PDB file of N, CA and C in Angstrom:
ATOM      1  N   UNK A   1     103.158  81.432  77.754  1.00  0.00           N
ATOM      2  CA  UNK A   1     103.827  82.330  77.838  1.00  0.00           C
ATOM      3  C   UNK A   1     104.715  82.505  76.017  1.00  0.00           C
ATOM      4  N   UNK A   2     104.869  84.240  76.113  1.00  0.00           N
ATOM      5  CA  UNK A   2     105.091  84.454  74.396  1.00  0.00           C
ATOM      6  C   UNK A   2     106.335  84.146  74.297  1.00  0.00           C
ATOM      7  N   UNK A   3     106.478  83.743  72.596  1.00  0.00           N
ATOM      8  CA  UNK A   3     107.529  83.117  72.512  1.00  0.00           C
ATOM      9  C   UNK A   3     108.994  84.624  71.969  1.00  0.00           C
ATOM     10  N   UNK A   4     109.392  84.612  72.251  1.00  0.00           N
ATOM     11  CA  UNK A   4     110.243  86.134  72.693  1.00  0.00           C
ATOM     12  C   UNK A   4     111.523  85.557  71.995  1.00  0.00           C
ATOM     13  N   UNK A   5     112.591  86.566  70.971  1.00  0.00           N
ATOM     14  CA  UNK A   5     113.820  86.397  69.917  1.00  0.00           C
ATOM     15  C   UNK A   5     114.557  86.129  70.837  1.00  0.00           C
ATOM     16  N   UNK A   6     114.882  86.685  72.367  1.00  0.00           N
ATOM     17  CA  UNK A   6     116.025  85.744  73.273  1.00  0.00           C
ATOM     18  C   UNK A   6     115.817  84.986  74.217  1.00  0.00           C
ATOM     19  N   UNK A   7     114.625  83.839  73.364  1.00  0.00           N
ATOM     20  CA  UNK A   7     113.856  82.648  73.824  1.00  0.00           C
ATOM     21  C   UNK A   7     114.562  81.480  72.584  1.00  0.00           C
ATOM     22  N   UNK A   8     115.576  81.929  71.527  1.00  0.00           N
ATOM     23  CA  UNK A   8     115.763  81.495  70.566  1.00  0.00           C
ATOM     24  C   UNK A   8     116.713  79.563  70.704  1.00  0.00           C
ATOM     25  N   UNK A   9     115.657  78.551  70.632  1.00  0.00           N
ATOM     26  CA  UNK A   9     116.925  77.548  71.507  1.00  0.00           C
ATOM     27  C   UNK A   9     117.939  77.047  70.477  1.00  0.00           C
ATOM     28  N   UNK A  10     119.224  77.583  71.237  1.00  0.00           N
ATOM     29  CA  UNK A  10     120.491  77.244  70.817  1.00  0.00           C
ATOM     30  C   UNK A  10     121.525  76.237  70.940  1.00  0.00           C
ATOM     31  N   UNK A  11     122.003  75.344  70.486  1.00  0.00           N
ATOM     32  CA  UNK A  11     122.418  74.424  70.681  1.00  0.00           C
ATOM     33  C   UNK A  11     123.634  74.495  71.553  1.00  0.00           C
ATOM     34  N   UNK A  12     123.613  74.288  72.748  1.00  0.00           N
ATOM     35  CA  UNK A  12     124.694  74.246  74.416  1.00  0.00           C
ATOM     36  C   UNK A  12     124.525  75.464  74.513  1.00  0.00           C
ATOM     37  N   UNK A  13     122.948  75.702  74.698  1.00  0.00           N
ATOM     38  CA  UNK A  13     122.558  76.644  75.548  1.00  0.00           C
ATOM     39  C   UNK A  13     121.870  76.273  76.900  1.00  0.00           C
ATOM     40  N   UNK A  14     121.595  77.245  77.517  1.00  0.00           N
ATOM     41  CA  UNK A  14     120.395  76.783  78.840  1.00  0.00           C
ATOM     42  C   UNK A  14     119.500  78.481  78.732  1.00  0.00           C
ATOM     43  N   UNK A  15     118.663  77.765  79.382  1.00  0.00           N
ATOM     44  CA  UNK A  15     117.585  78.218  79.325  1.00  0.00           C
ATOM     45  C   UNK A  15     117.983  79.298  81.287  1.00  0.00           C
ATOM     46  N   UNK A  16     118.093  80.649  80.880  1.00  0.00           N
ATOM     47  CA  UNK A  16     117.869  81.952  82.035  1.00  0.00           C
ATOM     48  C   UNK A  16     117.162  82.468  81.870  1.00  0.00           C
ATOM     49  N   UNK A  17     116.655  83.086  82.966  1.00  0.00           N
ATOM     50  CA  UNK A  17     115.676  84.150  83.089  1.00  0.00           C
ATOM     51  C   UNK A  17     115.887  85.060  83.397  1.00  0.00           C
ATOM     52  N   UNK A  18     115.783  86.516  83.174  1.00  0.00           N
ATOM     53  CA  UNK A  18     116.844  86.878  83.219  1.00  0.00           C
ATOM     54  C   UNK A  18     114.963  88.191  84.466  1.00  0.00           C
ATOM     55  N   UNK A  19     115.603  88.832  85.207  1.00  0.00           N
ATOM     56  CA  UNK A  19     114.398  89.651  85.920  1.00  0.00           C
ATOM     57  C   UNK A  19     115.228  91.505  85.855  1.00  0.00           C
ATOM     58  N   UNK A  20     114.083  92.218  85.056  1.00  0.00           N
ATOM     59  CA  UNK A  20     114.446  93.372  85.240  1.00  0.00           C
ATOM     60  C   UNK A  20     113.331  94.783  84.602  1.00  0.00           C
ATOM     61  N   UNK A  21     113.688  95.790  84.932  1.00  0.00           N
ATOM     62  CA  UNK A  21     113.208  96.748  85.124  1.00  0.00           C
ATOM     63  C   UNK A  21     113.064  98.154  84.388  1.00  0.00           C
ATOM     64  N   UNK A  22     112.990  99.108  84.535  1.00  0.00           N
ATOM     65  CA  UNK A  22     113.137 100.719  83.782  1.00  0.00           C
ATOM     66  C   UNK A  22     113.109 101.661  85.103  1.00  0.00           C
ATOM     67  N   UNK A  23     114.162 102.042  84.789  1.00  0.00           N
ATOM     68  CA  UNK A  23     114.637 103.493  86.651  1.00  0.00           C
ATOM     69  C   UNK A  23     113.707 104.756  85.826  1.00  0.00           C
ATOM     70  N   UNK A  24     113.599 104.737  84.820  1.00  0.00           N
ATOM     71  CA  UNK A  24     113.039 106.137  84.275  1.00  0.00           C
ATOM     72  C   UNK A  24     111.629 105.738  84.566  1.00  0.00           C
ATOM     73  N   UNK A  25     110.933 104.915  84.047  1.00  0.00           N
ATOM     74  CA  UNK A  25     109.614 104.844  84.061  1.00  0.00           C
ATOM     75  C   UNK A  25     109.146 104.811  85.520  1.00  0.00           C
ATOM     76  N   UNK A  26     110.033 104.086  86.436  1.00  0.00           N
ATOM     77  CA  UNK A  26     109.736 104.229  87.906  1.00  0.00           C
ATOM     78  C   UNK A  26     109.620 105.183  88.737  1.00  0.00           C
ATOM     79  N   UNK A  27     110.876 106.243  88.520  1.00  0.00           N
ATOM     80  CA  UNK A  27     111.009 107.539  88.646  1.00  0.00           C
ATOM     81  C   UNK A  27     109.544 108.430  87.885  1.00  0.00           C
ATOM     82  N   UNK A  28     109.347 108.243  86.916  1.00  0.00           N
ATOM     83  CA  UNK A  28     108.663 109.099  86.233  1.00  0.00           C
ATOM     84  C   UNK A  28     106.874 108.730  87.134  1.00  0.00           C
ATOM     85  N   UNK A  29     106.702 107.797  87.504  1.00  0.00           N
ATOM     86  CA  UNK A  29     105.703 107.231  88.122  1.00  0.00           C
ATOM     87  C   UNK A  29     105.197 108.040  89.480  1.00  0.00           C
ATOM     88  N   UNK A  30     106.323 107.587  90.149  1.00  0.00           N
ATOM     89  CA  UNK A  30     106.349 108.753  92.031  1.00  0.00           C
ATOM     90  C   UNK A  30     106.147 110.000  91.136  1.00  0.00           C
ATOM     91  N   UNK A  31     106.081 110.394  90.128  1.00  0.00           N
ATOM     92  CA  UNK A  31     105.554 112.159  89.814  1.00  0.00           C
ATOM     93  C   UNK A  31     104.549 112.123  89.352  1.00  0.00           C
ATOM     94  N   UNK A  32     104.090 111.230  89.503  1.00  0.00           N
ATOM     95  CA  UNK A  32     102.859 110.872  88.406  1.00  0.00           C
ATOM     96  C   UNK A  32     102.696 111.481  87.382  1.00  0.00           C
ATOM     97  N   UNK A  33     103.922 111.077  86.613  1.00  0.00           N
ATOM     98  CA  UNK A  33     104.075 111.126  84.982  1.00  0.00           C
ATOM     99  C   UNK A  33     103.846 109.831  84.094  1.00  0.00           C
ATOM    100  N   UNK A  34     103.849 109.528  82.880  1.00  0.00           N
ATOM    101  CA  UNK A  34     104.646 108.694  82.318  1.00  0.00           C
ATOM    102  C   UNK A  34     105.597 108.895  81.545  1.00  0.00           C
ATOM    103  N   UNK A  35     106.363 108.017  80.775  1.00  0.00           N
ATOM    104  CA  UNK A  35     107.478 107.474  80.150  1.00  0.00           C
ATOM    105  C   UNK A  35     106.685 108.097  78.744  1.00  0.00           C
ATOM    106  N   UNK A  36     107.744 108.016  77.860  1.00  0.00           N
ATOM    107  CA  UNK A  36     106.927 108.809  76.136  1.00  0.00           C
ATOM    108  C   UNK A  36     106.686 107.128  75.471  1.00  0.00           C
ATOM    109  N   UNK A  37     108.033 106.619  76.369  1.00  0.00           N
ATOM    110  CA  UNK A  37     108.046 104.997  75.244  1.00  0.00           C
ATOM    111  C   UNK A  37     107.774 104.157  76.123  1.00  0.00           C
ATOM    112  N   UNK A  38     107.961 103.642  76.996  1.00  0.00           N
ATOM    113  CA  UNK A  38     107.747 103.289  77.616  1.00  0.00           C
ATOM    114  C   UNK A  38     106.788 102.640  78.543  1.00  0.00           C
ATOM    115  N   UNK A  39     106.159 101.814  78.748  1.00  0.00           N
ATOM    116  CA  UNK A  39     104.375 101.202  79.293  1.00  0.00           C
ATOM    117  C   UNK A  39     105.298 101.538  80.841  1.00  0.00           C
ATOM    118  N   UNK A  40     103.646 101.951  81.393  1.00  0.00           N
ATOM    119  CA  UNK A  40     103.844 101.982  83.022  1.00  0.00           C
ATOM    120  C   UNK A  40     104.400 100.932  83.746  1.00  0.00           C
ATOM    121  N   UNK A  41     104.041  99.308  83.091  1.00  0.00           N
ATOM    122  CA  UNK A  41     104.752  98.255  83.736  1.00  0.00           C
ATOM    123  C   UNK A  41     106.226  97.957  84.006  1.00  0.00           C
ATOM    124  N   UNK A  42     106.720  98.583  83.245  1.00  0.00           N
ATOM    125  CA  UNK A  42     108.155  98.889  83.200  1.00  0.00           C
ATOM    126  C   UNK A  42     109.249  99.309  84.563  1.00  0.00           C
ATOM    127  N   UNK A  43     107.767  99.585  85.344  1.00  0.00           N
ATOM    128  CA  UNK A  43     108.400 100.012  86.728  1.00  0.00           C
ATOM    129  C   UNK A  43     108.497  98.853  87.534  1.00  0.00           C
ATOM    130  N   UNK A  44     107.809  97.857  87.345  1.00  0.00           N
ATOM    131  CA  UNK A  44     107.858  96.457  88.134  1.00  0.00           C
ATOM    132  C   UNK A  44     108.919  95.680  87.640  1.00  0.00           C
ATOM    133  N   UNK A  45     109.080  94.678  88.295  1.00  0.00           N
ATOM    134  CA  UNK A  45     110.169  93.534  87.791  1.00  0.00           C
ATOM    135  C   UNK A  45     109.735  93.404  86.666  1.00  0.00           C
ATOM    136  N   UNK A  46     110.547  92.907  85.782  1.00  0.00           N
ATOM    137  CA  UNK A  46     109.929  91.667  84.413  1.00  0.00           C
ATOM    138  C   UNK A  46     110.535  90.777  84.039  1.00  0.00           C
ATOM    139  N   UNK A  47     110.069  89.844  83.737  1.00  0.00           N
ATOM    140  CA  UNK A  47     110.757  88.582  83.328  1.00  0.00           C
ATOM    141  C   UNK A  47     110.879  88.411  82.220  1.00  0.00           C
ATOM    142  N   UNK A  48     112.201  87.827  81.612  1.00  0.00           N
ATOM    143  CA  UNK A  48     112.359  87.823  80.056  1.00  0.00           C
ATOM    144  C   UNK A  48     113.077  86.277  80.088  1.00  0.00           C
ATOM    145  N   UNK A  49     113.275  85.078  79.363  1.00  0.00           N
ATOM    146  CA  UNK A  49     113.707  83.642  79.101  1.00  0.00           C
ATOM    147  C   UNK A  49     115.111  84.134  78.045  1.00  0.00           C
ATOM    148  N   UNK A  50     116.436  84.125  78.107  1.00  0.00           N
ATOM    149  CA  UNK A  50     117.410  83.902  77.574  1.00  0.00           C
ATOM    150  C   UNK A  50     117.942  82.547  77.742  1.00  0.00           C
ATOM    151  N   UNK A  51     118.079  82.288  75.772  1.00  0.00           N
ATOM    152  CA  UNK A  51     119.056  80.851  75.768  1.00  0.00           C
ATOM    153  C   UNK A  51     120.253  81.793  75.386  1.00  0.00           C
ATOM    154  N   UNK A  52     121.583  81.600  76.898  1.00  0.00           N
ATOM    155  CA  UNK A  52     122.531  81.970  76.432  1.00  0.00           C
ATOM    156  C   UNK A  52     123.435  80.545  77.286  1.00  0.00           C
ATOM    157  N   UNK A  53     124.921  80.789  76.573  1.00  0.00           N
ATOM    158  CA  UNK A  53     125.993  79.437  77.537  1.00  0.00           C
ATOM    159  C   UNK A  53     126.532  79.473  78.663  1.00  0.00           C
ATOM    160  N   UNK A  54     125.783  80.997  79.279  1.00  0.00           N
ATOM    161  CA  UNK A  54     126.198  81.146  80.779  1.00  0.00           C
ATOM    162  C   UNK A  54     125.684  82.470  81.043  1.00  0.00           C
ATOM    163  N   UNK A  55     125.105  82.894  82.392  1.00  0.00           N
ATOM    164  CA  UNK A  55     124.782  83.644  82.950  1.00  0.00           C
ATOM    165  C   UNK A  55     125.927  85.188  82.374  1.00  0.00           C
ATOM    166  N   UNK A  56     126.973  85.259  82.772  1.00  0.00           N
ATOM    167  CA  UNK A  56     127.512  86.889  81.914  1.00  0.00           C
ATOM    168  C   UNK A  56     126.910  86.806  80.233  1.00  0.00           C
ATOM    169  N   UNK A  57     126.845  85.555  79.279  1.00  0.00           N
ATOM    170  CA  UNK A  57     126.349  85.938  78.254  1.00  0.00           C
ATOM    171  C   UNK A  57     124.973  86.232  77.915  1.00  0.00           C
ATOM    172  N   UNK A  58     124.034  86.202  79.034  1.00  0.00           N
ATOM    173  CA  UNK A  58     122.476  86.075  79.524  1.00  0.00           C
ATOM    174  C   UNK A  58     122.410  87.760  79.497  1.00  0.00           C
ATOM    175  N   UNK A  59     123.027  88.003  80.553  1.00  0.00           N
ATOM    176  CA  UNK A  59     123.187  89.615  80.951  1.00  0.00           C
ATOM    177  C   UNK A  59     123.534  90.212  79.357  1.00  0.00           C
ATOM    178  N   UNK A  60     124.273  89.908  78.756  1.00  0.00           N
ATOM    179  CA  UNK A  60     125.026  90.660  77.615  1.00  0.00           C
ATOM    180  C   UNK A  60     123.498  90.629  76.481  1.00  0.00           C
ATOM    181  N   UNK A  61     122.855  89.538  75.783  1.00  0.00           N
ATOM    182  CA  UNK A  61     122.163  89.411  75.364  1.00  0.00           C
ATOM    183  C   UNK A  61     120.568  90.187  76.123  1.00  0.00           C
ATOM    184  N   UNK A  62     120.296  90.616  76.632  1.00  0.00           N
ATOM    185  CA  UNK A  62     119.474  91.630  77.804  1.00  0.00           C
ATOM    186  C   UNK A  62     119.543  92.737  77.571  1.00  0.00           C
ATOM    187  N   UNK A  63     120.950  93.250  77.915  1.00  0.00           N
ATOM    188  CA  UNK A  63     121.692  94.400  77.647  1.00  0.00           C
ATOM    189  C   UNK A  63     121.393  95.060  76.502  1.00  0.00           C
ATOM    190  N   UNK A  64     121.566  94.117  75.528  1.00  0.00           N
ATOM    191  CA  UNK A  64     121.634  94.378  74.180  1.00  0.00           C
ATOM    192  C   UNK A  64     120.363  94.669  73.770  1.00  0.00           C
ATOM    193  N   UNK A  65     119.086  93.474  74.252  1.00  0.00           N
ATOM    194  CA  UNK A  65     117.643  94.312  73.297  1.00  0.00           C
ATOM    195  C   UNK A  65     116.839  95.367  74.393  1.00  0.00           C
ATOM    196  N   UNK A  66     117.604  94.828  76.085  1.00  0.00           N
ATOM    197  CA  UNK A  66     117.003  97.220  77.165  1.00  0.00           C
ATOM    198  C   UNK A  66     118.013  97.145  77.627  1.00  0.00           C
ATOM    199  N   UNK A  67     118.528  98.314  76.467  1.00  0.00           N
ATOM    200  CA  UNK A  67     119.997  98.746  77.473  1.00  0.00           C
ATOM    201  C   UNK A  67     119.832  99.432  77.986  1.00  0.00           C
ATOM    202  N   UNK A  68     120.701  99.983  79.122  1.00  0.00           N
ATOM    203  CA  UNK A  68     121.201 100.504  80.152  1.00  0.00           C
ATOM    204  C   UNK A  68     120.934 102.142  79.932  1.00  0.00           C
ATOM    205  N   UNK A  69     121.773 102.566  78.998  1.00  0.00           N
ATOM    206  CA  UNK A  69     121.348 103.884  78.586  1.00  0.00           C
ATOM    207  C   UNK A  69     119.882 104.398  78.713  1.00  0.00           C
ATOM    208  N   UNK A  70     118.781 103.783  77.853  1.00  0.00           N
ATOM    209  CA  UNK A  70     117.210 103.600  77.703  1.00  0.00           C
ATOM    210  C   UNK A  70     117.055 103.604  79.232  1.00  0.00           C
ATOM    211  N   UNK A  71     117.936 103.578  80.219  1.00  0.00           N
ATOM    212  CA  UNK A  71     116.774 103.150  81.460  1.00  0.00           C
ATOM    213  C   UNK A  71     116.555 101.599  82.271  1.00  0.00           C
ATOM    214  N   UNK A  72     117.196 101.051  81.056  1.00  0.00           N
ATOM    215  CA  UNK A  72     116.932  99.520  82.134  1.00  0.00           C
ATOM    216  C   UNK A  72     117.372  98.898  83.088  1.00  0.00           C
ATOM    217  N   UNK A  73     117.050  98.534  83.851  1.00  0.00           N
ATOM    218  CA  UNK A  73     117.955  97.967  85.248  1.00  0.00           C
ATOM    219  C   UNK A  73     118.135  96.437  84.533  1.00  0.00           C
ATOM    220  N   UNK A  74     118.653  95.258  85.025  1.00  0.00           N
ATOM    221  CA  UNK A  74     118.874  93.582  85.373  1.00  0.00           C
ATOM    222  C   UNK A  74     119.156  93.599  86.526  1.00  0.00           C
ATOM    223  N   UNK A  75     117.746  93.262  87.159  1.00  0.00           N
ATOM    224  CA  UNK A  75     118.272  93.194  88.803  1.00  0.00           C
ATOM    225  C   UNK A  75     118.856  91.556  89.045  1.00  0.00           C
ATOM    226  N   UNK A  76     118.410  90.838  88.311  1.00  0.00           N
ATOM    227  CA  UNK A  76     119.171  89.614  88.714  1.00  0.00           C
ATOM    228  C   UNK A  76     118.553  88.545  87.325  1.00  0.00           C
ATOM    229  N   UNK A  77     119.515  87.388  87.326  1.00  0.00           N
ATOM    230  CA  UNK A  77     119.736  86.598  86.624  1.00  0.00           C
ATOM    231  C   UNK A  77     119.103  84.909  86.933  1.00  0.00           C
ATOM    232  N   UNK A  78     119.018  83.955  87.412  1.00  0.00           N
ATOM    233  CA  UNK A  78     119.270  82.783  87.180  1.00  0.00           C
ATOM    234  C   UNK A  78     118.572  81.745  86.360  1.00  0.00           C
ATOM    235  N   UNK A  79     118.886  80.829  86.406  1.00  0.00           N
ATOM    236  CA  UNK A  79     119.575  79.668  86.001  1.00  0.00           C
ATOM    237  C   UNK A  79     117.924  78.718  85.627  1.00  0.00           C
ATOM    238  N   UNK A  80     117.188  78.731  84.795  1.00  0.00           N
ATOM    239  CA  UNK A  80     115.655  77.773  84.697  1.00  0.00           C
ATOM    240  C   UNK A  80     116.008  76.238  84.504  1.00  0.00           C
ATOM    241  N   UNK A  81     115.884  75.539  85.395  1.00  0.00           N
ATOM    242  CA  UNK A  81     115.974  73.902  85.168  1.00  0.00           C
ATOM    243  C   UNK A  81     115.243  72.925  84.657  1.00  0.00           C
TER     244      UNK A  81
END
């Protein structure tokens, strides 16, 4: 697994897996087109590990890195044991 800035160990934090995709990429692929900025892989669920105190903070951190205004959708967050 690649190290990601969202996966930096922090005291008192837990690991969360955030599942997300890009709605704009999905829509373009349905039309046999490609996004000018994001890879076609973003049409599928991608998983990122986030270090946070709780699920809400994990969502906030992921949304900062993958902004909803750019088409990113968080489809789920789960605690990694």
